[in-house]
Amino acid sequence: MGNSNEKIIEALKFAIQMELDGKRFYLQAGERSDNPVGKELFTWLAGQEDRHRETFEQIYKSLADKHNWPSQNIKPYRVKMGTIFGNLIKSADKNKKPGKEDLEASSIAIEMEIKSRDYYGKCAEMAVTKEEGEFYRSLSAEEQGHYLSLIDYKEYVMDPVNWFTRSEHHLLDGA
């Protein structure tokens, strides 16, 4: 196996471990959350981490067996995170402030998503093939979507009433 494949394999091993760690964190955060929105969001993110890991394992297997990046079109799943978060939040109690655990978990999760996004961005820059670069750029963009949803959730956790006012675009002009 060439030197470039060894670097790709090492990057994949690291990515697989990141996704396993992320899934474990999100499952724990979902269990600790006393807010239905937090539970749902963290559980969904755990599923995303698991899906990413499975994709990395497919690529790893292809590299180990065939010594090249898979020719099939393996790309991360595209989803509009705002829509998912918006649907979750519609069922939330506008006056119930989530607990401290949700604030801490969302802060940690934001940092995790930044690190993942940046790591996959660097992998894209160092990619050997066009397919590899496209895959990592797409994955980095997906992590950015997770990050933005977590920022939105953290704002909701910190001040649900004002979050609802802002998100529902109410005007308070006194007229």
Protein backbone atom coordinates (compact mmCIF):
# COMPACT_ATOMS: atom_id res chain seq x y z
CA MET A 1 0.00 0.00 0.00
CA GLY A 2 1.39 3.38 -1.01
CA ASN A 3 2.25 6.18 1.35
CA SER A 4 -0.82 8.21 0.28
CA ASN A 5 -3.14 5.27 1.01
CA GLU A 6 -1.55 4.87 4.44
CA LYS A 7 -2.33 8.53 5.19
CA ILE A 8 -5.90 8.06 3.94
CA ILE A 9 -6.31 4.94 6.10
CA GLU A 10 -5.02 6.79 9.17
CA ALA A 11 -7.39 9.70 8.49
CA LEU A 12 -10.28 7.24 8.16
CA LYS A 13 -9.38 5.49 11.43
CA PHE A 14 -9.30 8.85 13.18
CA ALA A 15 -12.64 9.86 11.60
CA ILE A 16 -14.26 6.57 12.64
CA GLN A 17 -13.15 7.12 16.24
CA MET A 18 -14.41 10.73 16.15
CA GLU A 19 -17.81 9.53 14.98
CA LEU A 20 -17.95 6.81 17.66
CA ASP A 21 -17.06 9.36 20.35
CA GLY A 22 -19.63 11.80 18.95
CA LYS A 23 -22.39 9.18 18.93
CA ARG A 24 -21.63 8.23 22.55
CA PHE A 25 -21.71 11.90 23.59
CA TYR A 26 -24.98 12.64 21.80
CA LEU A 27 -26.70 9.56 23.23
CA GLN A 28 -25.64 10.57 26.74
CA ALA A 29 -26.71 14.18 26.16
CA GLY A 30 -30.10 13.00 24.92
CA GLU A 31 -30.57 10.80 27.97
CA ARG A 32 -29.65 13.64 30.36
CA SER A 33 -31.81 16.26 28.64
CA ASP A 34 -35.08 17.08 30.38
CA ASN A 35 -36.35 18.84 27.26
CA PRO A 36 -38.10 16.91 24.47
CA VAL A 37 -36.45 19.09 21.82
CA GLY A 38 -33.00 18.41 23.26
CA LYS A 39 -33.68 14.69 23.54
CA GLU A 40 -34.83 14.52 19.94
CA LEU A 41 -32.03 16.70 18.55
CA PHE A 42 -29.25 14.86 20.38
CA THR A 43 -30.68 11.46 19.45
CA TRP A 44 -30.91 12.52 15.80
CA LEU A 45 -27.31 13.76 15.88
CA ALA A 46 -26.20 10.41 17.38
CA GLY A 47 -27.80 8.72 14.37
CA GLN A 48 -25.92 11.05 12.03
CA GLU A 49 -22.63 10.14 13.70
CA ASP A 50 -23.44 6.46 13.27
CA ARG A 51 -24.27 6.95 9.59
CA HIS A 52 -20.98 8.78 9.06
CA ARG A 53 -19.07 5.97 10.75
CA GLU A 54 -20.72 3.38 8.51
CA THR A 55 -19.72 5.36 5.42
CA PHE A 56 -16.13 5.63 6.64
CA GLU A 57 -16.05 1.89 7.26
CA GLN A 58 -17.25 1.25 3.68
CA ILE A 59 -14.47 3.46 2.32
CA TYR A 60 -11.91 1.85 4.62
CA LYS A 61 -12.93 -1.60 3.39
CA SER A 62 -12.67 -0.52 -0.23
CA LEU A 63 -9.20 0.92 0.36
CA ALA A 64 -8.06 -2.21 2.21
CA ASP A 65 -9.48 -4.56 -0.45
CA LYS A 66 -8.88 -2.64 -3.67
CA HIS A 67 -6.25 -0.12 -2.58
CA ASN A 68 -8.18 2.82 -4.00
CA TRP A 69 -10.98 5.22 -3.16
CA PRO A 70 -14.35 3.57 -3.91
CA SER A 71 -15.73 4.29 -7.36
CA GLN A 72 -19.33 4.28 -6.15
CA ASN A 73 -20.78 7.62 -5.27
CA ILE A 74 -20.48 7.66 -1.46
CA LYS A 75 -21.61 11.04 -0.22
CA PRO A 76 -22.96 12.25 3.08
CA TYR A 77 -26.71 12.56 3.45
CA ARG A 78 -28.04 16.04 2.76
CA VAL A 79 -30.73 17.37 5.04
CA LYS A 80 -31.95 20.83 5.88
CA MET A 81 -31.14 21.03 9.55
CA GLY A 82 -33.24 24.17 9.98
CA THR A 83 -36.29 22.21 8.92
CA ILE A 84 -35.59 19.41 11.40
CA PHE A 85 -34.95 21.84 14.23
CA GLY A 86 -37.98 23.92 13.23
CA ASN A 87 -40.23 20.87 13.32
CA LEU A 88 -38.88 19.84 16.73
CA ILE A 89 -39.27 23.28 18.21
CA LYS A 90 -42.90 23.63 17.12
CA SER A 91 -43.85 21.07 19.75
CA ALA A 92 -41.86 22.79 22.50
CA ASP A 93 -43.28 24.67 25.45
CA LYS A 94 -42.51 28.33 24.78
CA ASN A 95 -42.24 29.15 28.46
CA LYS A 96 -40.23 26.16 29.71
CA LYS A 97 -36.54 26.87 29.91
CA PRO A 98 -34.40 23.75 29.34
CA GLY A 99 -32.02 22.70 32.09
CA LYS A 100 -28.36 23.45 32.64
CA GLU A 101 -27.44 20.07 31.12
CA ASP A 102 -28.79 21.18 27.75
CA LEU A 103 -26.73 24.36 27.80
CA GLU A 104 -23.54 22.47 28.69
CA ALA A 105 -24.21 19.71 26.16
CA SER A 106 -24.96 22.15 23.35
CA SER A 107 -21.76 24.10 24.11
CA ILE A 108 -19.64 20.94 24.02
CA ALA A 109 -21.45 19.72 20.90
CA ILE A 110 -20.79 23.02 19.11
CA GLU A 111 -17.06 22.62 19.74
CA MET A 112 -17.18 19.00 18.55
CA GLU A 113 -18.90 20.00 15.32
CA ILE A 114 -16.38 22.80 14.70
CA LYS A 115 -13.52 20.32 15.12
CA SER A 116 -15.20 17.78 12.83
CA ARG A 117 -15.98 20.40 10.19
CA ASP A 118 -12.42 21.70 10.23
CA TYR A 119 -10.90 18.21 10.22
CA TYR A 120 -12.93 17.13 7.20
CA GLY A 121 -12.07 20.42 5.49
CA LYS A 122 -8.35 19.66 5.96
CA CYS A 123 -8.90 16.13 4.66
CA ALA A 124 -10.49 17.65 1.55
CA GLU A 125 -7.46 19.89 1.02
CA MET A 126 -5.11 16.90 1.27
CA ALA A 127 -7.28 14.61 -0.87
CA VAL A 128 -5.52 12.53 -3.50
CA THR A 129 -8.52 12.03 -5.79
CA LYS A 130 -11.35 14.28 -6.90
CA GLU A 131 -13.90 11.89 -5.36
CA GLU A 132 -12.14 11.94 -2.02
CA GLY A 133 -12.01 15.73 -2.00
CA GLU A 134 -15.68 16.05 -2.91
CA PHE A 135 -16.63 13.57 -0.21
CA TYR A 136 -14.77 15.43 2.53
CA ARG A 137 -16.02 18.85 1.38
CA SER A 138 -19.59 17.54 1.46
CA LEU A 139 -19.06 16.03 4.89
CA SER A 140 -17.55 19.28 6.17
CA ALA A 141 -20.63 21.14 4.92
CA GLU A 142 -22.88 18.66 6.71
CA GLU A 143 -20.97 19.21 9.95
CA GLN A 144 -21.47 22.95 9.43
CA GLY A 145 -25.22 22.31 9.28
CA HIS A 146 -25.04 20.41 12.57
CA TYR A 147 -23.08 23.31 14.07
CA LEU A 148 -25.68 25.87 12.96
CA SER A 149 -28.52 23.79 14.40
CA LEU A 150 -26.68 23.50 17.70
CA ILE A 151 -26.09 27.27 17.78
CA ASP A 152 -29.82 27.74 17.23
CA TYR A 153 -30.63 25.22 19.96
CA LYS A 154 -28.22 26.88 22.38
CA GLU A 155 -29.91 30.24 21.76
CA TYR A 156 -33.25 28.56 22.43
CA VAL A 157 -31.90 26.99 25.65
CA MET A 158 -30.55 30.30 26.90
CA ASP A 159 -33.73 32.30 26.27
CA PRO A 160 -36.71 30.38 24.86
CA VAL A 161 -39.17 33.29 24.99
CA ASN A 162 -36.93 35.63 23.01
CA TRP A 163 -35.92 32.79 20.70
CA PHE A 164 -39.58 32.21 19.82
CA THR A 165 -40.17 35.93 19.37
CA ARG A 166 -37.18 36.22 17.03
CA SER A 167 -37.86 33.01 15.12
CA GLU A 168 -41.53 33.77 14.59
CA HIS A 169 -40.63 37.28 13.35
CA HIS A 170 -43.05 39.10 15.61
CA LEU A 171 -42.84 42.85 15.42
CA LEU A 172 -43.12 44.77 18.64
CA ASP A 173 -43.85 48.23 17.27
CA GLY A 174 -46.63 49.15 19.70
CA ALA A 175 -49.16 49.78 16.94
